[in-house]
């Protein structure tokens, strides 16, 4: 995250990774997108990361973003 606000971090992942790869015909899966988000979060979010990774039900990228930004 490099000391950037969470919203900026999430936007950068979307614009530089997800959108770019999609534009060149190599889109990433929602699971890969989720992994990138969770791996980029600082240690302060370890409990949150463990909680998300332990979810039995599928959780969407938008739901995770909402939780992170809350």
C-alpha atoms as a PDB file:
ATOM      1  CA  UNK A   1       0.000   0.000   0.000  1.00  0.00           C
ATOM      2  CA  UNK A   2       2.986   2.304   0.474  1.00  0.00           C
ATOM      3  CA  UNK A   3       1.151   4.597   2.948  1.00  0.00           C
ATOM      4  CA  UNK A   4      -1.646   5.374   0.487  1.00  0.00           C
ATOM      5  CA  UNK A   5      -5.298   5.613   1.533  1.00  0.00           C
ATOM      6  CA  UNK A   6      -7.224   2.340   1.207  1.00  0.00           C
ATOM      7  CA  UNK A   7      -9.550   3.758  -1.453  1.00  0.00           C
ATOM      8  CA  UNK A   8      -6.577   4.763  -3.595  1.00  0.00           C
ATOM      9  CA  UNK A   9      -4.995   1.322  -3.112  1.00  0.00           C
ATOM     10  CA  UNK A  10      -8.198  -0.409  -4.275  1.00  0.00           C
ATOM     11  CA  UNK A  11      -8.550   1.922  -7.247  1.00  0.00           C
ATOM     12  CA  UNK A  12      -4.968   1.314  -8.311  1.00  0.00           C
ATOM     13  CA  UNK A  13      -5.489  -2.455  -8.264  1.00  0.00           C
ATOM     14  CA  UNK A  14      -8.605  -2.037 -10.382  1.00  0.00           C
ATOM     15  CA  UNK A  15      -7.116   0.374 -12.901  1.00  0.00           C
ATOM     16  CA  UNK A  16      -3.585  -0.952 -13.217  1.00  0.00           C
ATOM     17  CA  UNK A  17      -4.126  -4.666 -12.877  1.00  0.00           C
ATOM     18  CA  UNK A  18      -7.703  -5.724 -13.461  1.00  0.00           C
ATOM     19  CA  UNK A  19      -8.603  -3.282 -16.232  1.00  0.00           C
ATOM     20  CA  UNK A  20      -5.229  -3.499 -17.967  1.00  0.00           C
ATOM     21  CA  UNK A  21      -5.166  -7.285 -18.085  1.00  0.00           C
ATOM     22  CA  UNK A  22      -8.750  -7.338 -19.290  1.00  0.00           C
ATOM     23  CA  UNK A  23      -7.921  -4.832 -22.048  1.00  0.00           C
ATOM     24  CA  UNK A  24      -5.196  -7.081 -23.431  1.00  0.00           C
ATOM     25  CA  UNK A  25      -7.446 -10.135 -23.348  1.00  0.00           C
ATOM     26  CA  UNK A  26      -6.037 -11.749 -20.206  1.00  0.00           C
ATOM     27  CA  UNK A  27      -8.593 -11.006 -17.472  1.00  0.00           C
ATOM     28  CA  UNK A  28      -8.021 -12.170 -13.915  1.00  0.00           C
ATOM     29  CA  UNK A  29     -10.600 -14.141 -11.980  1.00  0.00           C
ATOM     30  CA  UNK A  30     -12.459 -12.650  -9.022  1.00  0.00           C
ATOM     31  CA  UNK A  31     -10.464 -15.021  -6.794  1.00  0.00           C
ATOM     32  CA  UNK A  32      -7.173 -13.665  -8.156  1.00  0.00           C
ATOM     33  CA  UNK A  33      -8.465 -10.103  -7.726  1.00  0.00           C
ATOM     34  CA  UNK A  34      -9.348 -10.889  -4.109  1.00  0.00           C
ATOM     35  CA  UNK A  35      -5.891 -12.387  -3.504  1.00  0.00           C
ATOM     36  CA  UNK A  36      -4.200  -9.228  -4.805  1.00  0.00           C
ATOM     37  CA  UNK A  37      -6.294  -7.048  -2.500  1.00  0.00           C
ATOM     38  CA  UNK A  38      -5.723  -9.183   0.591  1.00  0.00           C
ATOM     39  CA  UNK A  39      -1.996  -9.648  -0.034  1.00  0.00           C
ATOM     40  CA  UNK A  40      -1.512  -5.896  -0.382  1.00  0.00           C
ATOM     41  CA  UNK A  41      -3.113  -4.933   2.909  1.00  0.00           C
ATOM     42  CA  UNK A  42      -0.867  -4.002   5.848  1.00  0.00           C
ATOM     43  CA  UNK A  43      -0.553  -6.082   9.027  1.00  0.00           C
ATOM     44  CA  UNK A  44      -3.201  -3.931  10.683  1.00  0.00           C
ATOM     45  CA  UNK A  45      -5.700  -5.867   8.562  1.00  0.00           C
ATOM     46  CA  UNK A  46      -4.538  -9.388   9.538  1.00  0.00           C
ATOM     47  CA  UNK A  47      -7.716 -10.116  11.506  1.00  0.00           C
ATOM     48  CA  UNK A  48      -9.853  -8.860   8.614  1.00  0.00           C
ATOM     49  CA  UNK A  49      -7.864 -10.953   6.118  1.00  0.00           C
ATOM     50  CA  UNK A  50      -8.269 -14.088   8.252  1.00  0.00           C
ATOM     51  CA  UNK A  51     -11.988 -13.403   8.551  1.00  0.00           C
ATOM     52  CA  UNK A  52     -12.430 -13.000   4.784  1.00  0.00           C
ATOM     53  CA  UNK A  53     -10.342 -16.077   4.011  1.00  0.00           C
ATOM     54  CA  UNK A  54     -12.387 -18.158   6.443  1.00  0.00           C
ATOM     55  CA  UNK A  55     -15.768 -17.224   4.958  1.00  0.00           C
ATOM     56  CA  UNK A  56     -17.692 -20.322   3.980  1.00  0.00           C
ATOM     57  CA  UNK A  57     -19.969 -18.424   1.639  1.00  0.00           C
ATOM     58  CA  UNK A  58     -18.620 -16.680  -1.436  1.00  0.00           C
ATOM     59  CA  UNK A  59     -17.895 -13.031  -0.813  1.00  0.00           C
ATOM     60  CA  UNK A  60     -17.671 -10.584  -3.680  1.00  0.00           C
ATOM     61  CA  UNK A  61     -14.974  -8.030  -4.413  1.00  0.00           C
ATOM     62  CA  UNK A  62     -17.518  -5.252  -3.884  1.00  0.00           C
ATOM     63  CA  UNK A  63     -18.460  -6.633  -0.464  1.00  0.00           C
ATOM     64  CA  UNK A  64     -14.797  -6.769   0.573  1.00  0.00           C
ATOM     65  CA  UNK A  65     -14.204  -3.229  -0.667  1.00  0.00           C
ATOM     66  CA  UNK A  66     -17.214  -2.054   1.319  1.00  0.00           C
ATOM     67  CA  UNK A  67     -15.900  -3.730   4.464  1.00  0.00           C
ATOM     68  CA  UNK A  68     -12.408  -2.334   4.011  1.00  0.00           C
ATOM     69  CA  UNK A  69     -13.663   1.192   3.437  1.00  0.00           C
ATOM     70  CA  UNK A  70     -16.161   1.091   6.325  1.00  0.00           C
END
